[in-house]
PDB file of N, CA and C in Angstrom:
ATOM      1  N   UNK A   1      -3.287   4.697 -15.165  1.00  0.00           N
ATOM      2  CA  UNK A   1      -1.474   4.962 -14.884  1.00  0.00           C
ATOM      3  C   UNK A   1      -1.487   3.642 -13.756  1.00  0.00           C
ATOM      4  N   UNK A   2      -0.274   3.301 -13.656  1.00  0.00           N
ATOM      5  CA  UNK A   2       0.099   2.249 -12.604  1.00  0.00           C
ATOM      6  C   UNK A   2       1.009   2.520 -11.827  1.00  0.00           C
ATOM      7  N   UNK A   3       0.832   2.352 -10.305  1.00  0.00           N
ATOM      8  CA  UNK A   3       1.719   2.611  -9.056  1.00  0.00           C
ATOM      9  C   UNK A   3       1.921   1.569  -8.591  1.00  0.00           C
ATOM     10  N   UNK A   4       3.250   1.400  -8.498  1.00  0.00           N
ATOM     11  CA  UNK A   4       3.931   0.153  -7.390  1.00  0.00           C
ATOM     12  C   UNK A   4       4.287   0.396  -6.363  1.00  0.00           C
ATOM     13  N   UNK A   5       4.122  -0.230  -5.132  1.00  0.00           N
ATOM     14  CA  UNK A   5       4.881   0.281  -3.570  1.00  0.00           C
ATOM     15  C   UNK A   5       4.691  -1.324  -2.954  1.00  0.00           C
ATOM     16  N   UNK A   6       6.145  -0.886  -2.151  1.00  0.00           N
ATOM     17  CA  UNK A   6       5.730  -2.428  -1.485  1.00  0.00           C
ATOM     18  C   UNK A   6       5.350  -2.036   0.197  1.00  0.00           C
ATOM     19  N   UNK A   7       4.458  -3.205   0.115  1.00  0.00           N
ATOM     20  CA  UNK A   7       3.464  -3.429   1.308  1.00  0.00           C
ATOM     21  C   UNK A   7       4.332  -4.001   2.185  1.00  0.00           C
ATOM     22  N   UNK A   8       4.287  -3.915   3.562  1.00  0.00           N
ATOM     23  CA  UNK A   8       4.689  -5.210   4.855  1.00  0.00           C
ATOM     24  C   UNK A   8       4.127  -5.675   5.276  1.00  0.00           C
ATOM     25  N   UNK A   9       3.797  -7.424   5.218  1.00  0.00           N
ATOM     26  CA  UNK A   9       2.379  -8.119   5.783  1.00  0.00           C
ATOM     27  C   UNK A   9       3.069  -8.860   6.928  1.00  0.00           C
ATOM     28  N   UNK A  10       2.170  -8.388   8.135  1.00  0.00           N
ATOM     29  CA  UNK A  10       2.701  -8.917   8.963  1.00  0.00           C
ATOM     30  C   UNK A  10       1.764  -9.927   9.607  1.00  0.00           C
ATOM     31  N   UNK A  11       2.254 -11.030   9.768  1.00  0.00           N
ATOM     32  CA  UNK A  11       0.913 -12.012  10.631  1.00  0.00           C
ATOM     33  C   UNK A  11       1.015 -12.246  12.216  1.00  0.00           C
ATOM     34  N   UNK A  12      -0.237 -11.897  12.249  1.00  0.00           N
ATOM     35  CA  UNK A  12      -0.251 -12.328  13.926  1.00  0.00           C
ATOM     36  C   UNK A  12      -0.684 -13.940  14.420  1.00  0.00           C
ATOM     37  N   UNK A  13      -0.571 -14.028  15.463  1.00  0.00           N
ATOM     38  CA  UNK A  13      -0.826 -15.190  16.577  1.00  0.00           C
ATOM     39  C   UNK A  13      -2.349 -16.010  15.982  1.00  0.00           C
ATOM     40  N   UNK A  14      -3.207 -14.988  15.381  1.00  0.00           N
ATOM     41  CA  UNK A  14      -4.581 -15.258  15.282  1.00  0.00           C
ATOM     42  C   UNK A  14      -4.398 -15.505  13.881  1.00  0.00           C
ATOM     43  N   UNK A  15      -3.547 -15.677  13.041  1.00  0.00           N
ATOM     44  CA  UNK A  15      -3.713 -15.708  11.931  1.00  0.00           C
ATOM     45  C   UNK A  15      -4.183 -14.482  11.035  1.00  0.00           C
ATOM     46  N   UNK A  16      -4.596 -13.763  11.624  1.00  0.00           N
ATOM     47  CA  UNK A  16      -4.651 -12.569  10.743  1.00  0.00           C
ATOM     48  C   UNK A  16      -3.461 -11.186  10.437  1.00  0.00           C
ATOM     49  N   UNK A  17      -3.929 -10.294   9.453  1.00  0.00           N
ATOM     50  CA  UNK A  17      -2.525  -9.773   9.111  1.00  0.00           C
ATOM     51  C   UNK A  17      -3.178  -8.000   9.051  1.00  0.00           C
ATOM     52  N   UNK A  18      -1.752  -7.512   9.177  1.00  0.00           N
ATOM     53  CA  UNK A  18      -1.725  -5.691   9.409  1.00  0.00           C
ATOM     54  C   UNK A  18      -0.612  -5.739   8.175  1.00  0.00           C
ATOM     55  N   UNK A  19      -0.899  -4.422   7.871  1.00  0.00           N
ATOM     56  CA  UNK A  19      -0.098  -4.476   6.325  1.00  0.00           C
ATOM     57  C   UNK A  19       0.116  -2.980   6.932  1.00  0.00           C
ATOM     58  N   UNK A  20       1.495  -2.196   6.206  1.00  0.00           N
ATOM     59  CA  UNK A  20       1.403  -1.209   6.190  1.00  0.00           C
ATOM     60  C   UNK A  20       2.431  -0.827   4.986  1.00  0.00           C
ATOM     61  N   UNK A  21       2.099   0.449   4.208  1.00  0.00           N
ATOM     62  CA  UNK A  21       3.435   0.865   3.265  1.00  0.00           C
ATOM     63  C   UNK A  21       4.547   1.842   3.610  1.00  0.00           C
ATOM     64  N   UNK A  22       5.546   1.326   3.668  1.00  0.00           N
ATOM     65  CA  UNK A  22       6.762   2.297   3.979  1.00  0.00           C
ATOM     66  C   UNK A  22       6.834   3.828   3.705  1.00  0.00           C
ATOM     67  N   UNK A  23       6.549   3.756   2.461  1.00  0.00           N
ATOM     68  CA  UNK A  23       6.276   5.307   1.594  1.00  0.00           C
ATOM     69  C   UNK A  23       5.408   5.944   1.196  1.00  0.00           C
ATOM     70  N   UNK A  24       4.090   5.180   1.924  1.00  0.00           N
ATOM     71  CA  UNK A  24       2.856   6.285   1.950  1.00  0.00           C
ATOM     72  C   UNK A  24       2.613   6.260   3.787  1.00  0.00           C
ATOM     73  N   UNK A  25       3.017   7.498   4.108  1.00  0.00           N
ATOM     74  CA  UNK A  25       2.735   7.815   5.552  1.00  0.00           C
ATOM     75  C   UNK A  25       1.002   7.741   5.769  1.00  0.00           C
ATOM     76  N   UNK A  26       0.984   6.889   6.941  1.00  0.00           N
ATOM     77  CA  UNK A  26      -0.515   6.699   7.848  1.00  0.00           C
ATOM     78  C   UNK A  26      -1.012   5.672   6.629  1.00  0.00           C
ATOM     79  N   UNK A  27      -0.924   4.751   5.885  1.00  0.00           N
ATOM     80  CA  UNK A  27      -1.469   4.266   4.877  1.00  0.00           C
ATOM     81  C   UNK A  27      -1.324   2.482   5.826  1.00  0.00           C
ATOM     82  N   UNK A  28      -2.587   2.195   6.287  1.00  0.00           N
ATOM     83  CA  UNK A  28      -2.367   0.927   6.775  1.00  0.00           C
ATOM     84  C   UNK A  28      -3.627   0.031   6.220  1.00  0.00           C
ATOM     85  N   UNK A  29      -3.423  -1.468   6.776  1.00  0.00           N
ATOM     86  CA  UNK A  29      -4.755  -2.141   6.800  1.00  0.00           C
ATOM     87  C   UNK A  29      -4.378  -3.106   7.453  1.00  0.00           C
ATOM     88  N   UNK A  30      -5.906  -4.025   7.337  1.00  0.00           N
ATOM     89  CA  UNK A  30      -5.393  -5.274   8.148  1.00  0.00           C
ATOM     90  C   UNK A  30      -6.777  -5.937   7.456  1.00  0.00           C
ATOM     91  N   UNK A  31      -6.503  -7.445   8.014  1.00  0.00           N
ATOM     92  CA  UNK A  31      -7.710  -8.283   8.007  1.00  0.00           C
ATOM     93  C   UNK A  31      -7.394  -9.815   8.426  1.00  0.00           C
ATOM     94  N   UNK A  32      -8.515 -10.289   8.460  1.00  0.00           N
ATOM     95  CA  UNK A  32      -8.594 -11.752   9.386  1.00  0.00           C
ATOM     96  C   UNK A  32      -7.863 -12.679   8.193  1.00  0.00           C
ATOM     97  N   UNK A  33      -7.830 -12.604   7.235  1.00  0.00           N
ATOM     98  CA  UNK A  33      -6.786 -13.484   6.518  1.00  0.00           C
ATOM     99  C   UNK A  33      -5.983 -12.907   5.320  1.00  0.00           C
ATOM    100  N   UNK A  34      -4.953 -13.587   4.883  1.00  0.00           N
ATOM    101  CA  UNK A  34      -3.908 -12.822   3.565  1.00  0.00           C
ATOM    102  C   UNK A  34      -4.958 -12.356   2.717  1.00  0.00           C
ATOM    103  N   UNK A  35      -5.718 -12.922   2.403  1.00  0.00           N
ATOM    104  CA  UNK A  35      -6.320 -12.544   0.965  1.00  0.00           C
ATOM    105  C   UNK A  35      -7.509 -11.206   1.146  1.00  0.00           C
ATOM    106  N   UNK A  36      -7.825 -11.011   2.823  1.00  0.00           N
ATOM    107  CA  UNK A  36      -8.691  -9.944   3.425  1.00  0.00           C
ATOM    108  C   UNK A  36      -7.723  -8.910   3.510  1.00  0.00           C
ATOM    109  N   UNK A  37      -6.281  -9.292   3.859  1.00  0.00           N
ATOM    110  CA  UNK A  37      -5.550  -8.072   4.328  1.00  0.00           C
ATOM    111  C   UNK A  37      -5.432  -7.332   3.041  1.00  0.00           C
ATOM    112  N   UNK A  38      -4.939  -8.168   1.939  1.00  0.00           N
ATOM    113  CA  UNK A  38      -4.054  -7.697   0.963  1.00  0.00           C
ATOM    114  C   UNK A  38      -5.201  -6.459  -0.297  1.00  0.00           C
ATOM    115  N   UNK A  39      -6.661  -7.492  -0.097  1.00  0.00           N
ATOM    116  CA  UNK A  39      -7.598  -6.417  -0.456  1.00  0.00           C
ATOM    117  C   UNK A  39      -7.773  -5.022  -0.302  1.00  0.00           C
ATOM    118  N   UNK A  40      -7.829  -5.197   1.249  1.00  0.00           N
ATOM    119  CA  UNK A  40      -7.891  -3.976   2.128  1.00  0.00           C
ATOM    120  C   UNK A  40      -6.751  -3.071   2.110  1.00  0.00           C
ATOM    121  N   UNK A  41      -5.580  -3.520   1.646  1.00  0.00           N
ATOM    122  CA  UNK A  41      -4.292  -2.515   1.883  1.00  0.00           C
ATOM    123  C   UNK A  41      -4.188  -2.205   0.257  1.00  0.00           C
ATOM    124  N   UNK A  42      -4.716  -3.006  -1.116  1.00  0.00           N
ATOM    125  CA  UNK A  42      -4.977  -2.434  -2.140  1.00  0.00           C
ATOM    126  C   UNK A  42      -6.128  -1.328  -2.315  1.00  0.00           C
ATOM    127  N   UNK A  43      -7.056  -1.573  -1.621  1.00  0.00           N
ATOM    128  CA  UNK A  43      -7.957  -0.644  -1.672  1.00  0.00           C
ATOM    129  C   UNK A  43      -7.670   0.741  -0.723  1.00  0.00           C
ATOM    130  N   UNK A  44      -6.610   0.878   0.477  1.00  0.00           N
ATOM    131  CA  UNK A  44      -5.975   1.569   0.878  1.00  0.00           C
ATOM    132  C   UNK A  44      -5.151   2.684  -0.099  1.00  0.00           C
ATOM    133  N   UNK A  45      -3.712   1.796  -0.566  1.00  0.00           N
ATOM    134  CA  UNK A  45      -3.024   2.388  -1.279  1.00  0.00           C
ATOM    135  C   UNK A  45      -3.651   3.516  -2.597  1.00  0.00           C
ATOM    136  N   UNK A  46      -5.037   2.649  -2.990  1.00  0.00           N
ATOM    137  CA  UNK A  46      -5.525   3.218  -4.453  1.00  0.00           C
ATOM    138  C   UNK A  46      -6.073   4.875  -3.362  1.00  0.00           C
ATOM    139  N   UNK A  47      -6.883   4.298  -2.440  1.00  0.00           N
ATOM    140  CA  UNK A  47      -7.282   5.844  -1.708  1.00  0.00           C
ATOM    141  C   UNK A  47      -6.140   6.889  -1.436  1.00  0.00           C
ATOM    142  N   UNK A  48      -5.007   6.613  -0.694  1.00  0.00           N
ATOM    143  CA  UNK A  48      -3.677   7.186  -0.155  1.00  0.00           C
ATOM    144  C   UNK A  48      -3.221   7.992  -1.883  1.00  0.00           C
ATOM    145  N   UNK A  49      -3.056   7.126  -2.691  1.00  0.00           N
ATOM    146  CA  UNK A  49      -2.293   7.764  -3.956  1.00  0.00           C
ATOM    147  C   UNK A  49      -3.405   8.708  -4.423  1.00  0.00           C
ATOM    148  N   UNK A  50      -4.775   8.414  -4.499  1.00  0.00           N
ATOM    149  CA  UNK A  50      -5.885   9.181  -5.339  1.00  0.00           C
ATOM    150  C   UNK A  50      -5.822  10.887  -4.405  1.00  0.00           C
ATOM    151  N   UNK A  51      -5.632  10.218  -3.197  1.00  0.00           N
ATOM    152  CA  UNK A  51      -5.873  11.952  -2.522  1.00  0.00           C
ATOM    153  C   UNK A  51      -4.342  12.581  -2.508  1.00  0.00           C
ATOM    154  N   UNK A  52      -3.473  12.269  -2.414  1.00  0.00           N
ATOM    155  CA  UNK A  52      -2.286  12.757  -2.499  1.00  0.00           C
ATOM    156  C   UNK A  52      -1.697  13.459  -3.649  1.00  0.00           C
ATOM    157  N   UNK A  53      -2.579  12.710  -4.879  1.00  0.00           N
ATOM    158  CA  UNK A  53      -2.258  13.462  -5.879  1.00  0.00           C
ATOM    159  C   UNK A  53      -3.264  14.803  -6.312  1.00  0.00           C
ATOM    160  N   UNK A  54      -4.556  14.952  -5.757  1.00  0.00           N
ATOM    161  CA  UNK A  54      -5.168  15.605  -5.789  1.00  0.00           C
ATOM    162  C   UNK A  54      -5.113  16.623  -4.655  1.00  0.00           C
ATOM    163  N   UNK A  55      -4.199  16.335  -3.733  1.00  0.00           N
ATOM    164  CA  UNK A  55      -3.849  17.399  -2.816  1.00  0.00           C
ATOM    165  C   UNK A  55      -2.712  18.189  -3.359  1.00  0.00           C
ATOM    166  N   UNK A  56      -1.513  17.200  -3.499  1.00  0.00           N
ATOM    167  CA  UNK A  56      -0.123  17.882  -3.761  1.00  0.00           C
ATOM    168  C   UNK A  56       0.265  17.624  -5.083  1.00  0.00           C
ATOM    169  N   UNK A  57      -0.326  16.818  -5.858  1.00  0.00           N
ATOM    170  CA  UNK A  57       0.329  16.300  -7.329  1.00  0.00           C
ATOM    171  C   UNK A  57       1.495  15.429  -7.447  1.00  0.00           C
ATOM    172  N   UNK A  58       2.128  15.014  -6.126  1.00  0.00           N
ATOM    173  CA  UNK A  58       3.144  14.655  -6.106  1.00  0.00           C
ATOM    174  C   UNK A  58       2.897  13.125  -5.203  1.00  0.00           C
ATOM    175  N   UNK A  59       3.719  12.524  -5.794  1.00  0.00           N
ATOM    176  CA  UNK A  59       3.963  11.051  -4.708  1.00  0.00           C
ATOM    177  C   UNK A  59       5.565  10.534  -4.516  1.00  0.00           C
ATOM    178  N   UNK A  60       5.652  10.154  -3.198  1.00  0.00           N
ATOM    179  CA  UNK A  60       6.920   9.436  -2.864  1.00  0.00           C
ATOM    180  C   UNK A  60       7.335   8.284  -3.888  1.00  0.00           C
ATOM    181  N   UNK A  61       8.534   8.675  -4.115  1.00  0.00           N
ATOM    182  CA  UNK A  61       9.619   7.413  -4.582  1.00  0.00           C
ATOM    183  C   UNK A  61       9.247   5.829  -3.890  1.00  0.00           C
ATOM    184  N   UNK A  62       9.081   5.105  -4.902  1.00  0.00           N
ATOM    185  CA  UNK A  62       8.990   3.998  -4.165  1.00  0.00           C
ATOM    186  C   UNK A  62       9.874   2.832  -3.845  1.00  0.00           C
ATOM    187  N   UNK A  63      10.444   2.768  -2.539  1.00  0.00           N
ATOM    188  CA  UNK A  63      11.676   1.917  -1.818  1.00  0.00           C
ATOM    189  C   UNK A  63      11.652   0.537  -2.478  1.00  0.00           C
ATOM    190  N   UNK A  64      13.020   0.378  -2.809  1.00  0.00           N
ATOM    191  CA  UNK A  64      13.394  -1.207  -2.921  1.00  0.00           C
ATOM    192  C   UNK A  64      12.642  -1.998  -2.198  1.00  0.00           C
ATOM    193  N   UNK A  65      12.082  -3.487  -2.021  1.00  0.00           N
ATOM    194  CA  UNK A  65      12.092  -3.952  -1.009  1.00  0.00           C
ATOM    195  C   UNK A  65      13.092  -4.560  -0.321  1.00  0.00           C
ATOM    196  N   UNK A  66      14.452  -5.039  -1.131  1.00  0.00           N
ATOM    197  CA  UNK A  66      15.417  -5.252   0.136  1.00  0.00           C
ATOM    198  C   UNK A  66      16.225  -4.231   0.875  1.00  0.00           C
ATOM    199  N   UNK A  67      15.635  -2.942   0.997  1.00  0.00           N
ATOM    200  CA  UNK A  67      16.236  -1.651   1.355  1.00  0.00           C
ATOM    201  C   UNK A  67      14.979  -1.658   2.684  1.00  0.00           C
ATOM    202  N   UNK A  68      13.883  -2.097   2.818  1.00  0.00           N
ATOM    203  CA  UNK A  68      13.231  -2.141   4.296  1.00  0.00           C
ATOM    204  C   UNK A  68      13.990  -3.312   5.023  1.00  0.00           C
ATOM    205  N   UNK A  69      14.056  -2.578   6.361  1.00  0.00           N
ATOM    206  CA  UNK A  69      14.192  -3.638   7.597  1.00  0.00           C
ATOM    207  C   UNK A  69      12.704  -3.982   8.069  1.00  0.00           C
ATOM    208  N   UNK A  70      12.472  -5.807   8.203  1.00  0.00           N
ATOM    209  CA  UNK A  70      11.699  -6.109   8.696  1.00  0.00           C
ATOM    210  C   UNK A  70      11.952  -6.693   9.955  1.00  0.00           C
ATOM    211  N   UNK A  71      10.420  -6.936  10.713  1.00  0.00           N
ATOM    212  CA  UNK A  71      10.462  -7.395  11.805  1.00  0.00           C
ATOM    213  C   UNK A  71      10.441  -9.068  11.625  1.00  0.00           C
ATOM    214  N   UNK A  72      10.783  -9.941  12.473  1.00  0.00           N
ATOM    215  CA  UNK A  72      10.514 -11.410  12.800  1.00  0.00           C
ATOM    216  C   UNK A  72       8.835 -11.148  11.982  1.00  0.00           C
ATOM    217  N   UNK A  73       8.653 -12.516  11.414  1.00  0.00           N
ATOM    218  CA  UNK A  73       7.525 -12.316  11.241  1.00  0.00           C
ATOM    219  C   UNK A  73       6.564 -11.520   9.621  1.00  0.00           C
ATOM    220  N   UNK A  74       7.113 -10.761   9.361  1.00  0.00           N
ATOM    221  CA  UNK A  74       6.848  -9.950   8.575  1.00  0.00           C
ATOM    222  C   UNK A  74       7.617  -9.760   7.071  1.00  0.00           C
ATOM    223  N   UNK A  75       7.017 -10.130   6.083  1.00  0.00           N
ATOM    224  CA  UNK A  75       7.779  -9.855   4.435  1.00  0.00           C
ATOM    225  C   UNK A  75       6.874  -8.962   3.622  1.00  0.00           C
ATOM    226  N   UNK A  76       7.508  -8.397   2.975  1.00  0.00           N
ATOM    227  CA  UNK A  76       7.348  -7.429   1.806  1.00  0.00           C
ATOM    228  C   UNK A  76       7.206  -8.135   0.440  1.00  0.00           C
ATOM    229  N   UNK A  77       5.686  -7.287   0.011  1.00  0.00           N
ATOM    230  CA  UNK A  77       5.029  -7.803  -0.877  1.00  0.00           C
ATOM    231  C   UNK A  77       4.717  -6.466  -1.923  1.00  0.00           C
ATOM    232  N   UNK A  78       4.853  -6.285  -3.078  1.00  0.00           N
ATOM    233  CA  UNK A  78       5.362  -4.974  -4.125  1.00  0.00           C
ATOM    234  C   UNK A  78       3.508  -5.326  -4.413  1.00  0.00           C
ATOM    235  N   UNK A  79       2.635  -4.444  -3.935  1.00  0.00           N
ATOM    236  CA  UNK A  79       1.037  -3.644  -4.239  1.00  0.00           C
ATOM    237  C   UNK A  79       1.053  -2.940  -5.418  1.00  0.00           C
ATOM    238  N   UNK A  80       0.462  -3.415  -6.671  1.00  0.00           N
ATOM    239  CA  UNK A  80       0.275  -2.347  -8.029  1.00  0.00           C
ATOM    240  C   UNK A  80      -1.206  -1.984  -7.713  1.00  0.00           C
ATOM    241  N   UNK A  81      -1.540  -0.974  -8.087  1.00  0.00           N
ATOM    242  CA  UNK A  81      -2.568  -0.608  -8.263  1.00  0.00           C
ATOM    243  C   UNK A  81      -2.904   0.344  -9.300  1.00  0.00           C
ATOM    244  N   UNK A  82      -3.603   0.296  -9.996  1.00  0.00           N
ATOM    245  CA  UNK A  82      -4.156   1.193 -11.635  1.00  0.00           C
ATOM    246  C   UNK A  82      -4.922   2.169 -11.222  1.00  0.00           C
ATOM    247  N   UNK A  83      -4.729   3.166 -11.853  1.00  0.00           N
ATOM    248  CA  UNK A  83      -5.810   4.347 -11.603  1.00  0.00           C
ATOM    249  C   UNK A  83      -6.044   4.692 -13.161  1.00  0.00           C
ATOM    250  N   UNK A  84      -7.217   5.336 -13.419  1.00  0.00           N
ATOM    251  CA  UNK A  84      -7.572   6.168 -14.519  1.00  0.00           C
ATOM    252  C   UNK A  84      -7.830   7.564 -14.121  1.00  0.00           C
ATOM    253  N   UNK A  85      -7.381   7.989 -15.459  1.00  0.00           N
ATOM    254  CA  UNK A  85      -7.762   9.646 -15.271  1.00  0.00           C
ATOM    255  C   UNK A  85      -8.360  10.086 -15.891  1.00  0.00           C
ATOM    256  N   UNK A  86      -9.491  10.862 -15.605  1.00  0.00           N
ATOM    257  CA  UNK A  86     -10.065  11.628 -16.591  1.00  0.00           C
ATOM    258  C   UNK A  86      -9.971  12.544 -17.102  1.00  0.00           C
ATOM    259  N   UNK A  87      -9.705  12.720 -18.500  1.00  0.00           N
ATOM    260  CA  UNK A  87      -9.520  14.278 -18.537  1.00  0.00           C
ATOM    261  C   UNK A  87     -10.274  15.551 -17.673  1.00  0.00           C
ATOM    262  N   UNK A  88      -9.512  16.765 -17.638  1.00  0.00           N
ATOM    263  CA  UNK A  88     -10.760  17.656 -17.096  1.00  0.00           C
ATOM    264  C   UNK A  88     -11.857  18.488 -18.188  1.00  0.00           C
ATOM    265  N   UNK A  89     -13.190  18.608 -17.100  1.00  0.00           N
ATOM    266  CA  UNK A  89     -14.051  18.857 -18.063  1.00  0.00           C
ATOM    267  C   UNK A  89     -13.656  20.210 -17.970  1.00  0.00           C
ATOM    268  N   UNK A  90     -13.182  20.982 -18.283  1.00  0.00           N
ATOM    269  CA  UNK A  90     -12.901  22.529 -18.848  1.00  0.00           C
ATOM    270  C   UNK A  90     -13.499  23.646 -19.538  1.00  0.00           C
TER     271      UNK A  90
END
């Protein structure tokens, strides 16, 4: 299954990045480069989604990028995550 959520990337003075997902509570990442931050964000997104589905079976709706208020120096990127679900072995 494929899940897509907006991620807000903020570039800092030292050229590092921080990332947060407005729709995924407490789901954040960072990296020394954009690529590292993006990889870390994708991993955190996957972990968050898997945990939330396991605990509640529900996920929040994905906010449209144009509906997200951005601070100066921030931009939105849509992050796609593919998760394979295995059938229950009961």
